[in-house]
N, C-alpha and C. Protein backbone atom coordinates (compact mmCIF):
# COMPACT_ATOMS: atom_id res chain seq x y z
N MET A 1 -0.31 -36.60 23.75
CA MET A 1 0.76 -36.14 22.92
C MET A 1 0.23 -35.03 22.03
N SER A 2 0.83 -33.85 22.06
CA SER A 2 0.32 -32.74 21.26
C SER A 2 1.09 -32.64 19.95
N ASN A 3 0.34 -32.28 18.94
CA ASN A 3 0.96 -32.09 17.63
C ASN A 3 1.38 -30.63 17.49
N PRO A 4 2.63 -30.41 17.10
CA PRO A 4 3.05 -29.01 16.92
C PRO A 4 2.32 -28.38 15.74
N LYS A 5 2.04 -27.09 15.87
CA LYS A 5 1.37 -26.38 14.78
C LYS A 5 2.30 -26.26 13.59
N PRO A 6 1.79 -26.50 12.40
CA PRO A 6 2.66 -26.35 11.23
C PRO A 6 3.00 -24.87 11.03
N HIS A 7 4.22 -24.63 10.64
CA HIS A 7 4.66 -23.26 10.37
C HIS A 7 4.26 -22.87 8.96
N PRO A 8 3.80 -21.63 8.79
CA PRO A 8 3.48 -21.19 7.43
C PRO A 8 4.76 -21.15 6.60
N PRO A 9 4.65 -21.37 5.31
CA PRO A 9 5.85 -21.37 4.48
C PRO A 9 6.54 -20.00 4.53
N THR A 10 7.84 -20.04 4.62
CA THR A 10 8.63 -18.82 4.65
C THR A 10 8.75 -18.31 3.22
N PRO A 11 8.45 -17.03 3.00
CA PRO A 11 8.57 -16.52 1.64
C PRO A 11 10.01 -16.55 1.18
N ASN A 12 10.20 -16.94 -0.04
CA ASN A 12 11.52 -16.95 -0.64
C ASN A 12 11.67 -15.64 -1.39
N LEU A 13 12.30 -14.66 -0.75
CA LEU A 13 12.36 -13.32 -1.31
C LEU A 13 13.11 -13.29 -2.64
N GLN A 14 14.14 -14.10 -2.79
CA GLN A 14 14.86 -14.12 -4.06
C GLN A 14 13.98 -14.66 -5.17
N SER A 15 13.26 -15.72 -4.87
CA SER A 15 12.36 -16.31 -5.87
C SER A 15 11.24 -15.35 -6.22
N ASP A 16 10.66 -14.70 -5.19
CA ASP A 16 9.59 -13.73 -5.42
C ASP A 16 10.09 -12.56 -6.26
N ALA A 17 11.29 -12.07 -5.94
CA ALA A 17 11.86 -10.95 -6.70
C ALA A 17 12.13 -11.37 -8.13
N HIS A 18 12.61 -12.59 -8.32
CA HIS A 18 12.88 -13.07 -9.68
C HIS A 18 11.59 -13.19 -10.48
N ALA A 19 10.53 -13.71 -9.84
CA ALA A 19 9.24 -13.84 -10.51
C ALA A 19 8.68 -12.48 -10.88
N LEU A 20 8.85 -11.49 -9.99
CA LEU A 20 8.37 -10.14 -10.26
C LEU A 20 9.13 -9.51 -11.42
N GLU A 21 10.44 -9.69 -11.43
CA GLU A 21 11.26 -9.17 -12.54
C GLU A 21 10.85 -9.82 -13.86
N ALA A 22 10.61 -11.12 -13.84
CA ALA A 22 10.20 -11.83 -15.05
C ALA A 22 8.84 -11.34 -15.54
N ALA A 23 7.91 -11.11 -14.60
CA ALA A 23 6.58 -10.62 -14.98
C ALA A 23 6.67 -9.21 -15.56
N ALA A 24 7.53 -8.37 -14.96
CA ALA A 24 7.71 -7.01 -15.48
C ALA A 24 8.30 -7.05 -16.88
N ASP A 25 9.31 -7.90 -17.08
CA ASP A 25 9.91 -8.04 -18.42
C ASP A 25 8.88 -8.51 -19.44
N GLN A 26 8.03 -9.44 -19.03
CA GLN A 26 7.00 -9.97 -19.92
C GLN A 26 5.98 -8.89 -20.29
N ALA A 27 5.57 -8.08 -19.30
CA ALA A 27 4.61 -7.01 -19.57
C ALA A 27 5.20 -5.98 -20.52
N ILE A 28 6.46 -5.62 -20.32
CA ILE A 28 7.12 -4.64 -21.19
C ILE A 28 7.27 -5.22 -22.59
N ALA A 29 7.66 -6.48 -22.70
CA ALA A 29 7.81 -7.11 -24.00
C ALA A 29 6.47 -7.17 -24.74
N ALA A 30 5.39 -7.42 -24.00
CA ALA A 30 4.06 -7.49 -24.63
C ALA A 30 3.64 -6.13 -25.19
N CYS A 31 4.25 -5.07 -24.68
CA CYS A 31 3.93 -3.71 -25.15
C CYS A 31 5.03 -3.17 -26.06
N GLY A 32 5.71 -4.06 -26.73
CA GLY A 32 6.71 -3.66 -27.72
C GLY A 32 7.94 -3.01 -27.10
N GLY A 33 8.23 -3.30 -25.85
CA GLY A 33 9.40 -2.75 -25.19
C GLY A 33 9.19 -1.38 -24.57
N ASP A 34 7.97 -0.85 -24.64
CA ASP A 34 7.68 0.48 -24.11
C ASP A 34 7.16 0.35 -22.68
N ALA A 35 7.99 0.74 -21.71
CA ALA A 35 7.62 0.59 -20.30
C ALA A 35 6.41 1.45 -19.95
N ARG A 36 6.30 2.63 -20.53
CA ARG A 36 5.16 3.50 -20.24
C ARG A 36 3.85 2.85 -20.71
N GLU A 37 3.87 2.25 -21.88
CA GLU A 37 2.67 1.55 -22.38
C GLU A 37 2.35 0.35 -21.50
N ALA A 38 3.37 -0.32 -20.99
CA ALA A 38 3.14 -1.46 -20.10
C ALA A 38 2.46 -1.00 -18.81
N VAL A 39 2.90 0.14 -18.25
CA VAL A 39 2.27 0.68 -17.04
C VAL A 39 0.82 1.02 -17.32
N LYS A 40 0.54 1.66 -18.45
CA LYS A 40 -0.85 2.02 -18.78
C LYS A 40 -1.71 0.76 -18.93
N ALA A 41 -1.16 -0.26 -19.58
CA ALA A 41 -1.92 -1.50 -19.77
C ALA A 41 -2.22 -2.16 -18.42
N LEU A 42 -1.24 -2.13 -17.51
CA LEU A 42 -1.46 -2.74 -16.19
C LEU A 42 -2.46 -1.94 -15.37
N LEU A 43 -2.46 -0.62 -15.51
CA LEU A 43 -3.45 0.20 -14.81
C LEU A 43 -4.86 -0.10 -15.32
N ILE A 44 -4.99 -0.27 -16.61
CA ILE A 44 -6.30 -0.61 -17.19
C ILE A 44 -6.75 -1.98 -16.70
N ALA A 45 -5.82 -2.95 -16.69
CA ALA A 45 -6.16 -4.29 -16.21
C ALA A 45 -6.59 -4.26 -14.74
N ASN A 46 -5.89 -3.46 -13.94
CA ASN A 46 -6.22 -3.34 -12.53
C ASN A 46 -7.62 -2.73 -12.35
N GLU A 47 -7.92 -1.70 -13.12
CA GLU A 47 -9.25 -1.07 -13.05
C GLU A 47 -10.34 -2.07 -13.41
N PHE A 48 -10.09 -2.87 -14.45
CA PHE A 48 -11.04 -3.90 -14.86
C PHE A 48 -11.29 -4.88 -13.72
N LEU A 49 -10.21 -5.35 -13.07
CA LEU A 49 -10.36 -6.31 -11.98
C LEU A 49 -11.08 -5.70 -10.79
N GLU A 50 -10.82 -4.42 -10.49
CA GLU A 50 -11.52 -3.76 -9.39
C GLU A 50 -13.02 -3.69 -9.67
N ARG A 51 -13.38 -3.35 -10.89
CA ARG A 51 -14.81 -3.29 -11.23
C ARG A 51 -15.46 -4.65 -11.18
N GLU A 52 -14.74 -5.66 -11.64
CA GLU A 52 -15.28 -7.01 -11.60
C GLU A 52 -15.52 -7.44 -10.15
N MET A 53 -14.62 -7.11 -9.26
CA MET A 53 -14.79 -7.44 -7.84
C MET A 53 -16.01 -6.71 -7.26
N GLU A 54 -16.18 -5.44 -7.60
CA GLU A 54 -17.31 -4.68 -7.11
C GLU A 54 -18.63 -5.28 -7.57
N GLU A 55 -18.66 -5.80 -8.79
CA GLU A 55 -19.89 -6.40 -9.32
C GLU A 55 -20.24 -7.69 -8.61
N ARG A 56 -19.25 -8.35 -8.06
CA ARG A 56 -19.49 -9.64 -7.40
C ARG A 56 -19.98 -9.48 -5.96
N VAL A 57 -19.89 -8.28 -5.41
CA VAL A 57 -20.39 -8.05 -4.06
C VAL A 57 -21.91 -8.07 -4.10
N SER A 58 -22.50 -8.72 -3.15
CA SER A 58 -23.94 -8.84 -3.08
C SER A 58 -24.61 -7.48 -3.06
N ARG A 59 -25.61 -7.30 -3.88
CA ARG A 59 -26.36 -6.04 -3.92
C ARG A 59 -27.04 -5.80 -2.57
N GLY A 60 -27.52 -6.87 -1.92
CA GLY A 60 -28.13 -6.74 -0.61
C GLY A 60 -27.14 -6.28 0.43
N TYR A 61 -25.93 -6.77 0.34
CA TYR A 61 -24.89 -6.32 1.27
C TYR A 61 -24.63 -4.84 1.11
N VAL A 62 -24.58 -4.38 -0.13
CA VAL A 62 -24.33 -2.96 -0.40
C VAL A 62 -25.48 -2.12 0.16
N ARG A 63 -26.72 -2.59 0.03
CA ARG A 63 -27.88 -1.85 0.52
C ARG A 63 -28.07 -2.00 2.02
N GLY A 64 -27.39 -2.94 2.64
CA GLY A 64 -27.51 -3.14 4.08
C GLY A 64 -28.69 -4.02 4.46
N VAL A 65 -29.17 -4.86 3.56
CA VAL A 65 -30.29 -5.75 3.84
C VAL A 65 -29.83 -6.82 4.83
N LYS A 66 -30.67 -7.06 5.84
CA LYS A 66 -30.36 -8.07 6.84
C LYS A 66 -31.24 -9.28 6.62
N HIS A 67 -30.62 -10.45 6.65
CA HIS A 67 -31.36 -11.68 6.43
C HIS A 67 -31.58 -12.46 7.71
N GLY A 68 -31.19 -11.88 8.85
CA GLY A 68 -31.40 -12.56 10.11
C GLY A 68 -30.34 -13.57 10.46
N ARG A 69 -29.36 -13.78 9.59
CA ARG A 69 -28.32 -14.76 9.89
C ARG A 69 -27.26 -14.18 10.82
N PHE A 70 -27.07 -12.89 10.76
CA PHE A 70 -26.03 -12.27 11.54
C PHE A 70 -26.61 -11.14 12.36
N ASN A 71 -26.25 -11.08 13.61
CA ASN A 71 -26.67 -9.98 14.47
C ASN A 71 -25.51 -8.99 14.54
N THR A 72 -25.60 -7.92 13.82
CA THR A 72 -24.52 -6.95 13.79
C THR A 72 -24.84 -5.80 14.72
N TYR A 73 -23.80 -5.20 15.22
CA TYR A 73 -23.93 -4.04 16.10
C TYR A 73 -24.29 -2.83 15.26
N THR A 74 -25.36 -2.13 15.62
CA THR A 74 -25.80 -0.96 14.84
C THR A 74 -25.57 0.34 15.57
N GLY A 75 -24.96 0.30 16.72
CA GLY A 75 -24.63 1.53 17.43
C GLY A 75 -25.73 1.93 18.29
């Protein structure tokens, strides 16, 4: 007897859109109602997160150090 594969949850577009609208309203409210200031604050937050992600990447991976665990194609 085979078990059917579970289906991934279907996105609820209305719920997602509502959550996005609420988050946008919250960001604008946090910036005193100024949408331009909210955009600038979100850009700064995004830049911070991008840098944080870059710092978490292994320095050896960036330098291309091989530890023998993976045999990668080098051309």
